[in-house]
């Protein structure tokens, strides 16, 4: 048996999907992945398991050029014909669109996973309209479409993107490996607010910085940090001059990019804070924070609210409201260390109950078996 996994970057495969892929490998599947050509020389390329077959396609994830997209489609078709897999699984926008079309042309069953509806579904610009039209056409060819929250599930049905019998809601999101993200033995004598996200306006960058300014007027010693890199290619990326200005101001510390998120979340006093405005699937960093045992502050939107029982393991705040975010932060500061520790333990219990990646693996295995048996 052969399985191909298609993603728009290597990190998405290794960070979010490696547990699922390895479960198929343990079941005897020969594993291939398709990545963008430009990542063949990247440092992260070296971390791909040696047992996986690697193929590269000419992908420009942010382009709207029909010529470039057609070349990507041709590359996918060529690879599928060469490998002749039994099943294909696609992730992220262009792999979902052109992967599903390529699979239809090659008559290979396909599962497409939409981690979140995101930018394409948040407005009516030309790029967004074109993207939605292509998505709608392509998803007609997928055997199963996987989403990570009920809001996305309902929206795809209401927009007639697919039929209910083809749509699957993963209530555990993409899951988190509880062994990789074990509960940390931390204390909460003080408070540090850690935002784990790319530096995008959609991820709540402005709200986090503005809330930090508000809180520091009363609590100047409280630490505010952002763990994640800038993305100047994204339509909602924060410009370099804004980031440089905020760095000089010194209200927030920029930690950069890491491949060891647990070591940052596991530090003493850490409150994971992600005031996202983005149409999330189920935010991975928040699930990781739950597993490690961090109190959480996040926005009351699909994809984020699932990780917080308000007042038990953290707080939910309105979208795009810096003042309410600052109020929640101050409420957290005013808790005793024992109260913050109780929130941390409640987060871990939520992860064990809802986000264990083994539940996700079982669903993918069942979907693949159902498709192949039919």
Protein backbone atom coordinates (compact mmCIF):
# COMPACT_ATOMS: atom_id res chain seq x y z
CA UNK A 1 0.00 0.00 0.00
CA UNK A 2 1.19 3.51 -0.83
CA UNK A 3 0.14 6.88 0.60
CA UNK A 4 1.13 10.39 -0.47
CA UNK A 5 0.86 13.46 1.75
CA UNK A 6 0.93 16.92 0.13
CA UNK A 7 1.60 20.14 2.04
CA UNK A 8 2.77 23.64 1.14
CA UNK A 9 5.77 23.42 3.48
CA UNK A 10 7.86 20.84 5.31
CA UNK A 11 7.21 22.32 8.74
CA UNK A 12 3.47 21.74 8.32
CA UNK A 13 4.14 18.06 7.71
CA UNK A 14 6.61 17.61 10.57
CA UNK A 15 4.94 19.79 13.21
CA UNK A 16 1.27 19.12 12.58
CA UNK A 17 1.02 15.81 10.71
CA UNK A 18 4.01 13.60 11.49
CA UNK A 19 2.18 11.52 14.11
CA UNK A 20 -0.59 10.71 11.62
CA UNK A 21 1.85 9.92 8.82
CA UNK A 22 3.94 7.66 11.04
CA UNK A 23 0.80 5.76 12.07
CA UNK A 24 0.20 4.90 8.40
CA UNK A 25 3.83 3.86 8.07
CA UNK A 26 3.47 1.52 11.07
CA UNK A 27 0.44 -0.01 9.35
CA UNK A 28 2.59 -0.94 6.37
CA UNK A 29 2.08 1.98 4.01
CA UNK A 30 4.95 3.13 1.84
CA UNK A 31 5.08 6.89 2.54
CA UNK A 32 5.76 9.67 0.06
CA UNK A 33 5.49 13.42 0.59
CA UNK A 34 5.27 16.24 -1.94
CA UNK A 35 6.87 19.53 -0.91
CA UNK A 36 7.70 22.80 -2.71
CA UNK A 37 10.92 22.74 -4.74
CA UNK A 38 12.35 25.76 -2.95
CA UNK A 39 12.44 23.80 0.32
CA UNK A 40 14.83 21.16 -1.02
CA UNK A 41 17.76 23.25 0.24
CA UNK A 42 16.18 24.31 3.52
CA UNK A 43 17.58 23.32 6.91
CA UNK A 44 14.32 21.63 7.94
CA UNK A 45 14.59 19.31 4.91
CA UNK A 46 17.23 17.35 6.84
CA UNK A 47 14.66 16.46 9.51
CA UNK A 48 12.42 14.46 7.17
CA UNK A 49 12.48 10.76 8.15
CA UNK A 50 14.81 8.76 5.90
CA UNK A 51 12.15 6.14 5.21
CA UNK A 52 9.90 8.65 3.43
CA UNK A 53 10.13 9.23 -0.32
CA UNK A 54 10.40 12.92 -1.15
CA UNK A 55 9.07 14.57 -4.29
CA UNK A 56 9.15 18.28 -5.11
CA UNK A 57 6.64 20.34 -7.07
CA UNK A 58 6.95 23.90 -8.33
CA UNK A 59 4.64 25.63 -5.83
CA UNK A 60 4.26 29.35 -5.18
CA UNK A 61 1.75 29.37 -2.31
CA UNK A 62 0.96 33.10 -2.47
CA UNK A 63 0.83 33.60 -6.24
CA UNK A 64 -2.40 34.02 -8.20
CA UNK A 65 -0.64 33.39 -11.52
CA UNK A 66 -2.56 30.84 -13.63
CA UNK A 67 0.70 29.89 -15.35
CA UNK A 68 2.45 29.04 -12.07
CA UNK A 69 -0.56 27.18 -10.72
CA UNK A 70 -0.88 25.16 -13.93
CA UNK A 71 2.78 24.16 -13.63
CA UNK A 72 2.16 23.04 -10.04
CA UNK A 73 -0.82 20.97 -11.18
CA UNK A 74 1.26 19.35 -13.93
CA UNK A 75 3.99 18.49 -11.41
CA UNK A 76 1.44 16.87 -9.10
CA UNK A 77 -0.08 14.83 -11.92
CA UNK A 78 3.38 13.67 -13.01
CA UNK A 79 4.31 12.58 -9.48
CA UNK A 80 0.99 10.79 -8.90
CA UNK A 81 1.38 8.85 -12.15
CA UNK A 82 4.93 7.88 -11.20
CA UNK A 83 4.15 6.75 -7.64
CA UNK A 84 0.62 5.42 -8.30
CA UNK A 85 -0.48 5.67 -4.63
CA UNK A 86 -3.52 3.97 -3.17
CA UNK A 87 -4.58 7.15 -1.36
CA UNK A 88 -3.54 10.82 -1.17
CA UNK A 89 -3.97 13.26 1.71
CA UNK A 90 -3.70 16.99 1.08
CA UNK A 91 -3.30 19.94 3.44
CA UNK A 92 -3.33 23.76 3.00
CA UNK A 93 -4.96 25.76 0.22
CA UNK A 94 -3.12 25.05 -3.03
CA UNK A 95 -2.30 21.42 -2.25
CA UNK A 96 -5.99 20.95 -1.45
CA UNK A 97 -7.14 22.61 -4.65
CA UNK A 98 -4.66 21.19 -7.15
CA UNK A 99 -4.09 17.96 -5.25
CA UNK A 100 -7.79 17.11 -5.45
CA UNK A 101 -7.89 17.99 -9.16
CA UNK A 102 -4.76 15.92 -9.86
CA UNK A 103 -6.22 12.98 -7.97
CA UNK A 104 -9.42 13.18 -9.99
CA UNK A 105 -7.45 13.20 -13.23
CA UNK A 106 -5.35 10.22 -12.07
CA UNK A 107 -8.37 8.44 -10.55
CA UNK A 108 -6.82 8.20 -7.09
CA UNK A 109 -8.88 8.63 -3.88
CA UNK A 110 -8.14 11.76 -1.90
CA UNK A 111 -8.75 13.18 1.59
CA UNK A 112 -8.46 16.99 1.83
CA UNK A 113 -7.97 18.66 5.21
CA UNK A 114 -8.90 22.31 5.68
CA UNK A 115 -7.10 23.42 8.84
CA UNK A 116 -9.08 26.67 8.83
CA UNK A 117 -11.05 28.73 6.33
CA UNK A 118 -8.69 31.65 6.88
CA UNK A 119 -7.94 34.52 4.53
CA UNK A 120 -9.82 33.18 1.49
CA UNK A 121 -13.10 33.21 3.41
CA UNK A 122 -12.66 36.48 5.29
CA UNK A 123 -13.42 39.00 2.55
CA UNK A 124 -14.46 39.60 -1.06
CA UNK A 125 -11.26 40.74 -2.73
CA UNK A 126 -10.39 39.45 -6.18
CA UNK A 127 -7.85 36.94 -4.87
CA UNK A 128 -10.33 35.66 -2.30
CA UNK A 129 -13.15 35.23 -4.80
CA UNK A 130 -10.90 33.38 -7.24
CA UNK A 131 -9.59 31.19 -4.44
CA UNK A 132 -13.08 30.26 -3.20
CA UNK A 133 -14.24 29.45 -6.73
CA UNK A 134 -11.28 27.16 -7.31
CA UNK A 135 -11.70 25.57 -3.89
CA UNK A 136 -15.37 24.85 -4.48
CA UNK A 137 -14.64 23.24 -7.84
CA UNK A 138 -11.71 21.21 -6.53
CA UNK A 139 -13.39 19.87 -3.41
CA UNK A 140 -16.08 18.24 -5.52
CA UNK A 141 -13.32 15.75 -6.40
CA UNK A 142 -12.25 14.89 -2.85
CA UNK A 143 -13.58 11.68 -1.33
CA UNK A 144 -13.56 13.19 2.17
CA UNK A 145 -13.05 16.73 3.44
CA UNK A 146 -11.81 17.16 6.99
CA UNK A 147 -12.38 20.31 9.08
CA UNK A 148 -11.42 21.15 12.64
CA UNK A 149 -14.40 23.01 14.11
CA UNK A 150 -18.18 23.14 13.81
CA UNK A 151 -18.21 26.68 12.43
CA UNK A 152 -16.11 25.61 9.43
CA UNK A 153 -18.28 22.51 9.03
CA UNK A 154 -21.49 24.55 8.95
CA UNK A 155 -20.05 27.22 6.65
CA UNK A 156 -18.88 24.77 4.00
CA UNK A 157 -22.31 23.16 3.97
CA UNK A 158 -24.17 26.48 3.82
CA UNK A 159 -21.95 27.64 0.93
CA UNK A 160 -22.60 24.36 -0.89
CA UNK A 161 -18.90 23.49 -1.01
CA UNK A 162 -19.58 19.82 -0.39
CA UNK A 163 -22.13 17.28 0.82
CA UNK A 164 -22.59 16.34 4.45
CA UNK A 165 -21.67 12.69 3.77
CA UNK A 166 -18.22 13.79 2.53
CA UNK A 167 -17.52 16.22 5.37
CA UNK A 168 -15.76 15.13 8.57
CA UNK A 169 -15.37 17.26 11.71
CA UNK A 170 -12.27 16.36 13.72
CA UNK A 171 -13.35 17.43 17.20
CA UNK A 172 -9.80 16.94 18.51
CA UNK A 173 -8.41 19.23 15.82
CA UNK A 174 -5.18 17.79 14.47
CA UNK A 175 -4.44 16.66 17.99
CA UNK A 176 -1.36 16.96 20.12
CA UNK A 177 1.07 14.27 21.22
CA UNK A 178 0.77 14.27 25.00
CA UNK A 179 4.20 12.62 25.28
CA UNK A 180 5.89 15.27 23.14
CA UNK A 181 4.16 18.02 25.13
CA UNK A 182 4.13 16.64 28.70
CA UNK A 183 2.73 18.66 31.58
CA UNK A 184 5.39 20.95 33.00
CA UNK A 185 6.24 21.20 36.69
CA UNK A 186 5.94 24.98 36.89
CA UNK A 187 5.09 27.57 39.48
CA UNK A 188 3.13 30.75 38.99
CA UNK A 189 4.63 33.15 41.52
CA UNK A 190 4.82 35.78 38.77
CA UNK A 191 3.33 36.25 35.31
CA UNK A 192 4.69 36.36 31.78
CA UNK A 193 2.37 36.60 28.77
CA UNK A 194 3.62 34.60 25.78
CA UNK A 195 2.06 34.97 22.33
CA UNK A 196 2.95 32.01 20.09
CA UNK A 197 2.11 32.88 16.49
CA UNK A 198 3.43 34.26 13.25
CA UNK A 199 3.59 38.05 13.37
CA UNK A 200 0.35 38.74 11.52
CA UNK A 201 -2.39 41.26 12.15
CA UNK A 202 -4.87 38.38 11.86
CA UNK A 203 -3.17 36.61 14.77
CA UNK A 204 -3.90 39.58 17.04
CA UNK A 205 -0.50 41.29 16.93
CA UNK A 206 -1.89 44.80 17.37
CA UNK A 207 -4.17 43.80 20.22
CA UNK A 208 -1.35 42.02 22.07
CA UNK A 209 1.02 45.00 21.81
CA UNK A 210 -1.66 47.54 22.75
CA UNK A 211 -2.78 45.42 25.72
CA UNK A 212 0.85 45.19 26.86
CA UNK A 213 1.08 48.99 26.83
CA UNK A 214 -2.07 49.25 28.94
CA UNK A 215 -0.99 46.64 31.49
CA UNK A 216 2.52 48.00 31.84
CA UNK A 217 1.16 51.36 32.98
CA UNK A 218 0.05 49.62 36.18
CA UNK A 219 2.41 46.63 36.26
CA UNK A 220 5.67 47.76 34.63
CA UNK A 221 7.58 44.59 35.51
CA UNK A 222 5.25 42.13 33.79
CA UNK A 223 6.88 40.42 30.78
CA UNK A 224 5.27 40.28 27.32
CA UNK A 225 6.83 38.08 24.63
CA UNK A 226 6.11 37.04 21.04
CA UNK A 227 7.44 33.70 19.83
CA UNK A 228 7.19 33.49 16.06
CA UNK A 229 8.57 34.97 12.89
CA UNK A 230 7.50 37.79 10.62
CA UNK A 231 5.73 36.90 7.38
CA UNK A 232 6.08 39.75 4.94
CA UNK A 233 4.54 37.74 2.10
CA UNK A 234 1.19 37.31 3.86
CA UNK A 235 -1.62 39.78 3.07
CA UNK A 236 -1.96 40.38 6.83
CA UNK A 237 1.75 40.36 7.65
CA UNK A 238 2.95 43.14 9.96
CA UNK A 239 5.36 45.45 8.06
CA UNK A 240 9.02 45.45 9.03
CA UNK A 241 9.03 49.11 10.06
CA UNK A 242 6.16 48.51 12.51
CA UNK A 243 7.98 45.55 14.07
CA UNK A 244 11.23 47.51 14.33
CA UNK A 245 9.40 50.42 15.99
CA UNK A 246 7.79 48.11 18.54
CA UNK A 247 11.12 46.39 19.23
CA UNK A 248 12.71 49.75 20.03
CA UNK A 249 9.80 50.72 22.28
CA UNK A 250 10.58 47.64 24.38
CA UNK A 251 7.08 46.93 25.67
CA UNK A 252 7.18 43.49 24.03
CA UNK A 253 10.16 41.16 23.65
CA UNK A 254 10.49 39.41 20.29
CA UNK A 255 11.87 35.89 20.73
CA UNK A 256 12.12 34.98 17.05
CA UNK A 257 11.55 31.53 15.59
CA UNK A 258 12.21 28.21 17.32
CA UNK A 259 11.75 24.50 16.67
CA UNK A 260 11.42 23.90 20.41
CA UNK A 261 8.15 25.56 21.42
CA UNK A 262 7.69 23.33 24.52
CA UNK A 263 10.80 24.78 26.19
CA UNK A 264 9.27 28.26 26.03
CA UNK A 265 5.81 27.23 27.16
CA UNK A 266 7.28 25.19 30.02
CA UNK A 267 9.05 28.14 31.65
CA UNK A 268 7.90 29.38 35.01
CA UNK A 269 4.95 31.78 35.14
CA UNK A 270 3.94 31.43 31.46
CA UNK A 271 0.42 32.43 30.41
CA UNK A 272 -0.09 31.58 26.72
CA UNK A 273 -1.96 34.47 25.11
CA UNK A 274 -3.19 34.33 21.50
CA UNK A 275 -5.75 37.06 20.66
CA UNK A 276 -6.36 35.73 17.16
CA UNK A 277 -8.81 37.27 14.70
CA UNK A 278 -8.00 34.57 12.14
CA UNK A 279 -10.57 31.98 11.07
CA UNK A 280 -8.76 29.14 12.81
CA UNK A 281 -9.37 25.43 12.44
CA UNK A 282 -8.28 24.49 15.96
CA UNK A 283 -5.26 26.48 17.05
CA UNK A 284 -2.27 24.15 17.44
CA UNK A 285 -0.33 26.37 19.83
CA UNK A 286 -3.30 26.55 22.18
CA UNK A 287 -3.65 22.76 22.21
CA UNK A 288 0.06 22.48 22.98
CA UNK A 289 -0.34 25.00 25.79
CA UNK A 290 -3.16 22.90 27.23
CA UNK A 291 -1.05 19.74 27.10
CA UNK A 292 1.93 21.40 28.79
CA UNK A 293 -0.37 22.91 31.38
CA UNK A 294 -0.50 26.65 30.81
CA UNK A 295 -3.28 29.05 31.71
CA UNK A 296 -4.61 30.57 28.48
CA UNK A 297 -6.07 33.85 27.29
CA UNK A 298 -7.53 33.80 23.79
CA UNK A 299 -10.36 35.16 21.70
CA UNK A 300 -13.90 33.86 21.69
CA UNK A 301 -13.86 32.62 18.09
CA UNK A 302 -14.11 29.17 16.48
CA UNK A 303 -10.76 27.42 16.62
CA UNK A 304 -9.68 29.20 19.80
CA UNK A 305 -12.66 29.01 22.15
CA UNK A 306 -12.51 25.19 22.16
CA UNK A 307 -9.29 25.33 24.22
CA UNK A 308 -10.68 27.40 27.11
CA UNK A 309 -13.43 26.82 29.64
CA UNK A 310 -13.86 30.44 30.64
CA UNK A 311 -12.68 31.03 34.19
CA UNK A 312 -11.50 27.43 34.65
CA UNK A 313 -8.27 27.20 32.66
CA UNK A 314 -8.16 30.74 31.33
CA UNK A 315 -10.20 33.54 29.82
CA UNK A 316 -11.97 34.22 26.54
CA UNK A 317 -12.02 37.82 25.30
CA UNK A 318 -13.83 39.56 22.43
CA UNK A 319 -12.11 39.78 19.05
CA UNK A 320 -10.05 42.90 18.31
CA UNK A 321 -10.56 44.41 21.75
CA UNK A 322 -7.26 45.46 23.33
CA UNK A 323 -8.93 46.86 26.45
CA UNK A 324 -10.79 43.61 27.22
CA UNK A 325 -7.60 41.68 26.56
CA UNK A 326 -5.74 43.93 29.02
CA UNK A 327 -8.52 43.44 31.58
CA UNK A 328 -8.17 39.65 31.31
CA UNK A 329 -4.41 39.96 31.72
CA UNK A 330 -4.82 42.10 34.84
CA UNK A 331 -7.33 39.60 36.20
CA UNK A 332 -4.71 36.88 35.70
CA UNK A 333 -2.04 39.00 37.41
CA UNK A 334 -4.32 39.54 40.41
CA UNK A 335 -4.91 35.81 40.90
CA UNK A 336 -2.86 34.03 43.54
CA UNK A 337 -0.13 31.66 42.39
CA UNK A 338 -2.31 28.76 43.57
CA UNK A 339 -5.21 29.94 41.41
CA UNK A 340 -2.98 30.22 38.36
CA UNK A 341 -1.56 26.75 39.06
CA UNK A 342 -5.09 25.34 39.26
CA UNK A 343 -5.79 26.84 35.82
CA UNK A 344 -2.64 25.18 34.48
CA UNK A 345 -3.77 21.76 35.73
CA UNK A 346 -7.24 22.32 34.26
CA UNK A 347 -5.65 23.03 30.87
CA UNK A 348 -3.80 19.72 30.92
CA UNK A 349 -6.95 17.83 31.88
CA UNK A 350 -8.72 19.45 28.91
CA UNK A 351 -5.93 18.28 26.58
CA UNK A 352 -6.11 14.70 27.86
CA UNK A 353 -9.88 14.65 27.42
CA UNK A 354 -10.19 16.41 24.05
CA UNK A 355 -6.93 16.81 22.12
CA UNK A 356 -5.01 13.52 22.26
CA UNK A 357 -3.56 12.90 18.78
CA UNK A 358 -4.37 9.18 19.10
CA UNK A 359 -8.04 10.03 18.59
CA UNK A 360 -7.14 11.82 15.36
CA UNK A 361 -5.06 8.88 14.14
CA UNK A 362 -7.99 6.51 14.67
CA UNK A 363 -10.27 8.72 12.57
CA UNK A 364 -7.80 9.02 9.70
CA UNK A 365 -7.21 5.27 9.71
CA UNK A 366 -10.96 4.62 9.60
CA UNK A 367 -11.48 7.14 6.78
CA UNK A 368 -8.72 5.60 4.69
CA UNK A 369 -10.05 2.08 5.29
CA UNK A 370 -13.59 3.15 4.36
CA UNK A 371 -12.44 4.79 1.13
CA UNK A 372 -10.17 1.93 0.06
CA UNK A 373 -12.73 -0.74 0.90
CA UNK A 374 -15.23 1.02 -1.33
